[in-house]
Every structure is written in C-alpha cells, then in structure tokens.
Amino acid sequence: GGRVDLLDASAYAIAAAERTVSLNGLERVSVRASDVYSRARGPYDLIVCNPAFHRGLDTDSSMAEAVVAGAPRKLRPGGRLLLVGNRFLTHHRLVTAAFGEARIACEDGRFRVVEGRKA
C-alpha cells in the first residue's frame, strides 16, 4: 500500500528508472527529476541514497551533505535514512551530526550503509 518516489538530477538516471518501472509494471512508483529534495513529496518512512562523490578525480561530499541535512525534514517520526557509500567516506559523521546518532546497518570490505533514525 505504500508509494515510492525515485528522484535524481541525471536525465540518464531518470530515463533508466522510468524504463525499469515500465518494464516491471510497477504501480505507485513515481520518477521525477529533482535536485536533492526539490521535488520530493514526503514525509517518508525511508530514504535510501547512494550519493555521487566524484567530481572529476576529486572526492566531493556535497551531495551526501545535502541529502543528510535535508533528511530529518522529509522523514516521519521513526523514519530512517540509509546512506550507501564507500567505507572511506565520512557518511557516519554526517548522519551523526544530523540525527544525533548513526549506526552501521551493514558493511563489507569496500562499502558501508549508515543508518540515521528520526526521533
């Protein structure tokens, strides 16, 4: 009975998501171009994001920072943010700053999923 919003700033990602939704006959799934939360409806029970972190050869955390900073306003009480990224990224610090605490939901040798929960 829930709904899913797929948001991305990339036209290529939007086209791929629209095709995936169509080919799989998914209902209650909307795909929209959005600069982080600009077209997000919310409030959400769950936000899942694997933010881009490359700008050329440099590491850029601005996308993760924007996603994490806005998440508490877009989540229902008890809602969760799951942020996926390479282990060396500072996602744990960002989520702790925004939610007061963070937990490692899972990890392997390369990747980590950090969870924040809205009180």
N, C-alpha and C. Protein backbone atom coordinates (compact mmCIF):
# COMPACT_ATOMS: atom_id res chain seq x y z
N GLY A 1 0.80 -1.20 0.00
CA GLY A 1 0.00 0.00 0.00
C GLY A 1 0.83 1.25 0.00
N GLY A 2 2.15 1.14 0.09
CA GLY A 2 2.99 2.33 0.11
C GLY A 2 3.27 2.86 -1.28
N ARG A 3 3.96 3.97 -1.32
CA ARG A 3 4.35 4.54 -2.60
C ARG A 3 5.86 4.77 -2.57
N VAL A 4 6.42 4.85 -3.76
CA VAL A 4 7.85 5.04 -3.91
C VAL A 4 8.08 6.23 -4.83
N ASP A 5 8.96 7.12 -4.42
CA ASP A 5 9.40 8.23 -5.26
C ASP A 5 10.86 7.99 -5.61
N LEU A 6 11.15 7.94 -6.90
CA LEU A 6 12.52 7.81 -7.38
C LEU A 6 12.95 9.18 -7.89
N LEU A 7 13.97 9.76 -7.29
CA LEU A 7 14.40 11.11 -7.62
C LEU A 7 15.86 11.10 -8.03
N ASP A 8 16.18 11.88 -9.06
CA ASP A 8 17.58 12.01 -9.48
C ASP A 8 17.70 13.28 -10.31
N ALA A 9 18.88 13.85 -10.32
CA ALA A 9 19.14 15.05 -11.12
C ALA A 9 19.62 14.68 -12.53
N SER A 10 20.01 13.43 -12.73
CA SER A 10 20.56 12.99 -14.01
C SER A 10 19.44 12.56 -14.97
N ALA A 11 19.42 13.16 -16.15
CA ALA A 11 18.42 12.78 -17.16
C ALA A 11 18.59 11.31 -17.54
N TYR A 12 19.81 10.84 -17.62
CA TYR A 12 20.07 9.44 -17.95
C TYR A 12 19.49 8.51 -16.87
N ALA A 13 19.70 8.86 -15.59
CA ALA A 13 19.17 8.04 -14.49
C ALA A 13 17.65 8.06 -14.49
N ILE A 14 17.06 9.19 -14.77
CA ILE A 14 15.59 9.30 -14.82
C ILE A 14 15.05 8.41 -15.94
N ALA A 15 15.66 8.47 -17.12
CA ALA A 15 15.20 7.63 -18.24
C ALA A 15 15.33 6.15 -17.90
N ALA A 16 16.43 5.75 -17.27
CA ALA A 16 16.62 4.35 -16.89
C ALA A 16 15.59 3.93 -15.85
N ALA A 17 15.31 4.78 -14.88
CA ALA A 17 14.32 4.46 -13.85
C ALA A 17 12.92 4.34 -14.45
N GLU A 18 12.58 5.26 -15.35
CA GLU A 18 11.26 5.20 -16.00
C GLU A 18 11.11 3.90 -16.78
N ARG A 19 12.15 3.49 -17.48
CA ARG A 19 12.09 2.25 -18.25
C ARG A 19 11.96 1.04 -17.32
N THR A 20 12.69 1.03 -16.23
CA THR A 20 12.61 -0.06 -15.26
C THR A 20 11.21 -0.17 -14.67
N VAL A 21 10.63 0.96 -14.29
CA VAL A 21 9.28 0.98 -13.74
C VAL A 21 8.28 0.45 -14.77
N SER A 22 8.41 0.91 -16.01
CA SER A 22 7.50 0.49 -17.07
C SER A 22 7.64 -1.00 -17.39
N LEU A 23 8.85 -1.47 -17.57
CA LEU A 23 9.08 -2.87 -17.93
C LEU A 23 8.62 -3.84 -16.84
N ASN A 24 8.64 -3.38 -15.60
CA ASN A 24 8.25 -4.24 -14.49
C ASN A 24 6.81 -4.01 -14.03
N GLY A 25 6.10 -3.14 -14.72
CA GLY A 25 4.69 -2.90 -14.39
C GLY A 25 4.49 -2.41 -12.97
N LEU A 26 5.43 -1.63 -12.47
CA LEU A 26 5.33 -1.17 -11.09
C LEU A 26 4.30 -0.07 -10.95
N GLU A 27 3.49 -0.19 -9.93
CA GLU A 27 2.47 0.81 -9.65
C GLU A 27 2.87 1.59 -8.40
N ARG A 28 2.30 2.74 -8.26
CA ARG A 28 2.56 3.61 -7.09
C ARG A 28 4.05 3.97 -6.98
N VAL A 29 4.69 4.05 -8.15
CA VAL A 29 6.09 4.48 -8.22
C VAL A 29 6.14 5.68 -9.15
N SER A 30 6.66 6.78 -8.64
CA SER A 30 6.82 7.96 -9.49
C SER A 30 8.31 8.23 -9.67
N VAL A 31 8.64 8.69 -10.86
CA VAL A 31 10.02 9.02 -11.20
C VAL A 31 10.04 10.49 -11.57
N ARG A 32 10.89 11.25 -10.89
CA ARG A 32 10.94 12.70 -11.15
C ARG A 32 12.38 13.22 -11.10
N ALA A 33 12.65 14.16 -11.97
CA ALA A 33 13.92 14.88 -11.90
C ALA A 33 13.84 15.80 -10.68
N SER A 34 14.87 15.75 -9.86
CA SER A 34 14.86 16.54 -8.63
C SER A 34 16.29 16.83 -8.20
N ASP A 35 16.53 18.04 -7.80
CA ASP A 35 17.82 18.41 -7.23
C ASP A 35 17.72 18.15 -5.73
N VAL A 36 18.19 17.03 -5.29
CA VAL A 36 18.08 16.51 -3.92
C VAL A 36 16.60 16.45 -3.56
N TYR A 37 16.09 17.35 -2.72
CA TYR A 37 14.71 17.26 -2.26
C TYR A 37 13.77 18.26 -2.93
N SER A 38 14.20 18.92 -3.99
CA SER A 38 13.38 19.98 -4.59
C SER A 38 12.01 19.49 -5.06
N ARG A 39 11.89 18.25 -5.50
CA ARG A 39 10.60 17.72 -5.94
C ARG A 39 10.15 16.52 -5.12
N ALA A 40 10.75 16.37 -3.94
CA ALA A 40 10.35 15.27 -3.05
C ALA A 40 9.06 15.65 -2.34
N ARG A 41 8.14 14.71 -2.26
CA ARG A 41 6.88 15.00 -1.60
C ARG A 41 6.99 14.80 -0.09
N GLY A 42 7.27 13.59 0.32
CA GLY A 42 7.36 13.31 1.75
C GLY A 42 6.03 13.56 2.45
N PRO A 43 5.96 13.35 3.73
CA PRO A 43 7.04 12.77 4.52
C PRO A 43 7.19 11.28 4.20
N TYR A 44 8.40 10.79 4.42
CA TYR A 44 8.75 9.42 4.08
C TYR A 44 9.04 8.59 5.32
N ASP A 45 8.82 7.29 5.19
CA ASP A 45 9.23 6.34 6.21
C ASP A 45 10.69 5.95 6.02
N LEU A 46 11.15 6.00 4.77
CA LEU A 46 12.50 5.55 4.45
C LEU A 46 13.04 6.36 3.28
N ILE A 47 14.27 6.82 3.43
CA ILE A 47 15.01 7.44 2.33
C ILE A 47 16.28 6.61 2.15
N VAL A 48 16.52 6.16 0.92
CA VAL A 48 17.71 5.39 0.59
C VAL A 48 18.47 6.16 -0.48
N CYS A 49 19.76 6.34 -0.25
CA CYS A 49 20.54 7.12 -1.20
C CYS A 49 21.97 6.61 -1.27
N ASN A 50 22.49 6.54 -2.48
CA ASN A 50 23.89 6.26 -2.74
C ASN A 50 24.42 7.48 -3.48
N PRO A 51 24.78 8.54 -2.73
CA PRO A 51 25.12 9.81 -3.38
C PRO A 51 26.44 9.75 -4.14
N ALA A 52 26.45 10.43 -5.28
CA ALA A 52 27.68 10.56 -6.06
C ALA A 52 28.72 11.30 -5.21
N PHE A 53 29.98 10.90 -5.38
CA PHE A 53 31.02 11.59 -4.61
C PHE A 53 32.24 11.93 -5.44
N HIS A 54 32.16 11.73 -6.75
CA HIS A 54 33.28 12.11 -7.61
C HIS A 54 32.97 13.41 -8.33
N ARG A 55 33.94 14.26 -8.36
CA ARG A 55 33.90 15.46 -9.21
C ARG A 55 35.23 15.43 -9.95
N GLY A 56 35.21 14.83 -11.14
CA GLY A 56 36.47 14.58 -11.82
C GLY A 56 37.26 13.56 -11.02
N LEU A 57 38.48 13.89 -10.68
CA LEU A 57 39.32 12.99 -9.88
C LEU A 57 39.21 13.29 -8.39
N ASP A 58 38.51 14.35 -8.04
CA ASP A 58 38.40 14.76 -6.64
C ASP A 58 37.21 14.09 -5.94
N THR A 59 37.31 13.97 -4.63
CA THR A 59 36.21 13.49 -3.80
C THR A 59 35.40 14.69 -3.36
N ASP A 60 34.10 14.63 -3.57
CA ASP A 60 33.21 15.75 -3.25
C ASP A 60 32.04 15.21 -2.42
N SER A 61 31.93 15.66 -1.18
CA SER A 61 30.87 15.17 -0.29
C SER A 61 29.62 16.03 -0.29
N SER A 62 29.54 17.02 -1.18
CA SER A 62 28.41 17.96 -1.13
C SER A 62 27.06 17.29 -1.34
N MET A 63 26.98 16.26 -2.19
CA MET A 63 25.70 15.59 -2.40
C MET A 63 25.28 14.85 -1.14
N ALA A 64 26.19 14.13 -0.53
CA ALA A 64 25.87 13.42 0.72
C ALA A 64 25.47 14.42 1.80
N GLU A 65 26.18 15.52 1.90
CA GLU A 65 25.87 16.54 2.90
C GLU A 65 24.45 17.07 2.70
N ALA A 66 24.06 17.35 1.45
CA ALA A 66 22.72 17.88 1.17
C ALA A 66 21.64 16.84 1.48
N VAL A 67 21.87 15.60 1.11
CA VAL A 67 20.89 14.54 1.38
C VAL A 67 20.69 14.37 2.88
N VAL A 68 21.78 14.27 3.62
CA VAL A 68 21.70 14.04 5.06
C VAL A 68 21.08 15.25 5.76
N ALA A 69 21.50 16.44 5.41
CA ALA A 69 20.98 17.65 6.07
C ALA A 69 19.47 17.79 5.90
N GLY A 70 18.95 17.44 4.73
CA GLY A 70 17.52 17.59 4.46
C GLY A 70 16.66 16.43 4.93
N ALA A 71 17.27 15.29 5.20
CA ALA A 71 16.51 14.09 5.54
C ALA A 71 15.61 14.24 6.76
N PRO A 72 16.08 14.82 7.87
CA PRO A 72 15.18 14.92 9.04
C PRO A 72 13.88 15.68 8.74
N ARG A 73 13.92 16.64 7.84
CA ARG A 73 12.69 17.39 7.50
C ARG A 73 11.76 16.59 6.59
N LYS A 74 12.29 15.61 5.88
CA LYS A 74 11.48 14.82 4.95
C LYS A 74 11.01 13.50 5.52
N LEU A 75 11.49 13.12 6.69
CA LEU A 75 11.12 11.85 7.30
C LEU A 75 10.01 12.01 8.33
N ARG A 76 9.15 11.02 8.42
CA ARG A 76 8.18 10.94 9.50
C ARG A 76 8.92 10.59 10.79
N PRO A 77 8.31 10.85 11.95
CA PRO A 77 8.92 10.36 13.20
C PRO A 77 9.14 8.85 13.12
N GLY A 78 10.32 8.41 13.49
CA GLY A 78 10.68 7.00 13.38
C GLY A 78 11.21 6.61 12.01
N GLY A 79 11.15 7.55 11.06
CA GLY A 79 11.64 7.28 9.71
C GLY A 79 13.15 7.14 9.68
N ARG A 80 13.64 6.44 8.66
CA ARG A 80 15.06 6.14 8.58
C ARG A 80 15.69 6.63 7.28
N LEU A 81 16.94 7.02 7.39
CA LEU A 81 17.78 7.31 6.24
C LEU A 81 18.83 6.21 6.15
N LEU A 82 18.97 5.62 4.98
CA LEU A 82 20.06 4.68 4.72
C LEU A 82 20.95 5.30 3.65
N LEU A 83 22.19 5.54 4.01
CA LEU A 83 23.14 6.19 3.12
C LEU A 83 24.23 5.18 2.77
N VAL A 84 24.34 4.88 1.49
CA VAL A 84 25.28 3.89 0.99
C VAL A 84 26.51 4.59 0.46
N GLY A 85 27.68 4.05 0.74
CA GLY A 85 28.90 4.64 0.18
C GLY A 85 30.13 3.83 0.46
N ASN A 86 31.20 4.22 -0.16
CA ASN A 86 32.49 3.59 0.10
C ASN A 86 32.86 3.79 1.57
N ARG A 87 33.57 2.85 2.13
CA ARG A 87 33.92 2.88 3.56
C ARG A 87 34.73 4.11 3.94
N PHE A 88 35.54 4.62 3.04
CA PHE A 88 36.40 5.75 3.40
C PHE A 88 35.66 7.08 3.50
N LEU A 89 34.43 7.13 3.01
CA LEU A 89 33.66 8.38 3.07
C LEU A 89 33.21 8.66 4.50
N THR A 90 32.90 9.92 4.78
CA THR A 90 32.57 10.36 6.14
C THR A 90 31.06 10.33 6.42
N HIS A 91 30.34 9.41 5.82
CA HIS A 91 28.89 9.35 6.00
C HIS A 91 28.48 9.17 7.46
N HIS A 92 29.21 8.39 8.20
CA HIS A 92 28.86 8.16 9.61
C HIS A 92 28.86 9.48 10.38
N ARG A 93 29.87 10.29 10.15
CA ARG A 93 29.96 11.60 10.82
C ARG A 93 28.80 12.50 10.41
N LEU A 94 28.47 12.52 9.12
CA LEU A 94 27.38 13.37 8.63
C LEU A 94 26.04 12.96 9.24
N VAL A 95 25.77 11.66 9.26
CA VAL A 95 24.50 11.16 9.80
C VAL A 95 24.42 11.42 11.30
N THR A 96 25.51 11.23 12.02
CA THR A 96 25.52 11.51 13.45
C THR A 96 25.21 12.97 13.71
N ALA A 97 25.79 13.86 12.93
CA ALA A 97 25.55 15.30 13.12
C ALA A 97 24.09 15.66 12.88
N ALA A 98 23.45 15.02 11.90
CA ALA A 98 22.06 15.36 11.56
C ALA A 98 21.04 14.70 12.47
N PHE A 99 21.33 13.48 12.94
CA PHE A 99 20.34 12.70 13.69
C PHE A 99 20.69 12.51 15.16
N GLY A 100 21.88 12.94 15.56
CA GLY A 100 22.30 12.75 16.94
C GLY A 100 23.03 11.45 17.16
N GLU A 101 22.79 10.49 16.31
CA GLU A 101 23.50 9.21 16.34
C GLU A 101 23.35 8.54 14.99
N ALA A 102 24.24 7.59 14.74
CA ALA A 102 24.19 6.82 13.50
C ALA A 102 24.62 5.41 13.82
N ARG A 103 24.16 4.48 13.00
CA ARG A 103 24.60 3.10 13.19
C ARG A 103 24.97 2.53 11.83
N ILE A 104 25.92 1.62 11.86
CA ILE A 104 26.31 0.92 10.64
C ILE A 104 25.30 -0.21 10.44
N ALA A 105 24.48 -0.09 9.39
CA ALA A 105 23.46 -1.10 9.11
C ALA A 105 24.11 -2.36 8.52
N CYS A 106 25.11 -2.18 7.68
CA CYS A 106 25.88 -3.30 7.15
C CYS A 106 27.12 -2.74 6.45
N GLU A 107 28.10 -3.60 6.26
CA GLU A 107 29.32 -3.20 5.57
C GLU A 107 30.07 -4.43 5.10
N ASP A 108 30.93 -4.20 4.12
CA ASP A 108 31.84 -5.23 3.68
C ASP A 108 33.21 -4.57 3.51
N GLY A 109 34.09 -5.19 2.78
CA GLY A 109 35.43 -4.65 2.62
C GLY A 109 35.50 -3.33 1.89
N ARG A 110 34.49 -3.01 1.10
CA ARG A 110 34.51 -1.77 0.31
C ARG A 110 33.40 -0.78 0.66
N PHE A 111 32.23 -1.27 1.02
CA PHE A 111 31.07 -0.40 1.18
C PHE A 111 30.50 -0.44 2.58
N ARG A 112 29.76 0.60 2.90
CA ARG A 112 29.12 0.72 4.21
C ARG A 112 27.75 1.38 4.01
N VAL A 113 26.78 0.90 4.78
CA VAL A 113 25.46 1.53 4.81
C VAL A 113 25.29 2.10 6.21
N VAL A 114 25.10 3.43 6.27
CA VAL A 114 24.95 4.12 7.54
C VAL A 114 23.47 4.48 7.70
N GLU A 115 22.93 4.23 8.87
CA GLU A 115 21.52 4.50 9.16
C GLU A 115 21.37 5.61 10.17
N GLY A 116 20.46 6.52 9.87
CA GLY A 116 20.02 7.52 10.83
C GLY A 116 18.53 7.35 11.01
N ARG A 117 18.05 7.57 12.24
CA ARG A 117 16.62 7.41 12.53
C ARG A 117 16.11 8.69 13.17
N LYS A 118 14.99 9.19 12.64
CA LYS A 118 14.38 10.39 13.19
C LYS A 118 13.63 10.04 14.46
N ALA A 119 13.87 10.78 15.51
CA ALA A 119 13.20 10.53 16.80
C ALA A 119 11.71 10.76 16.69
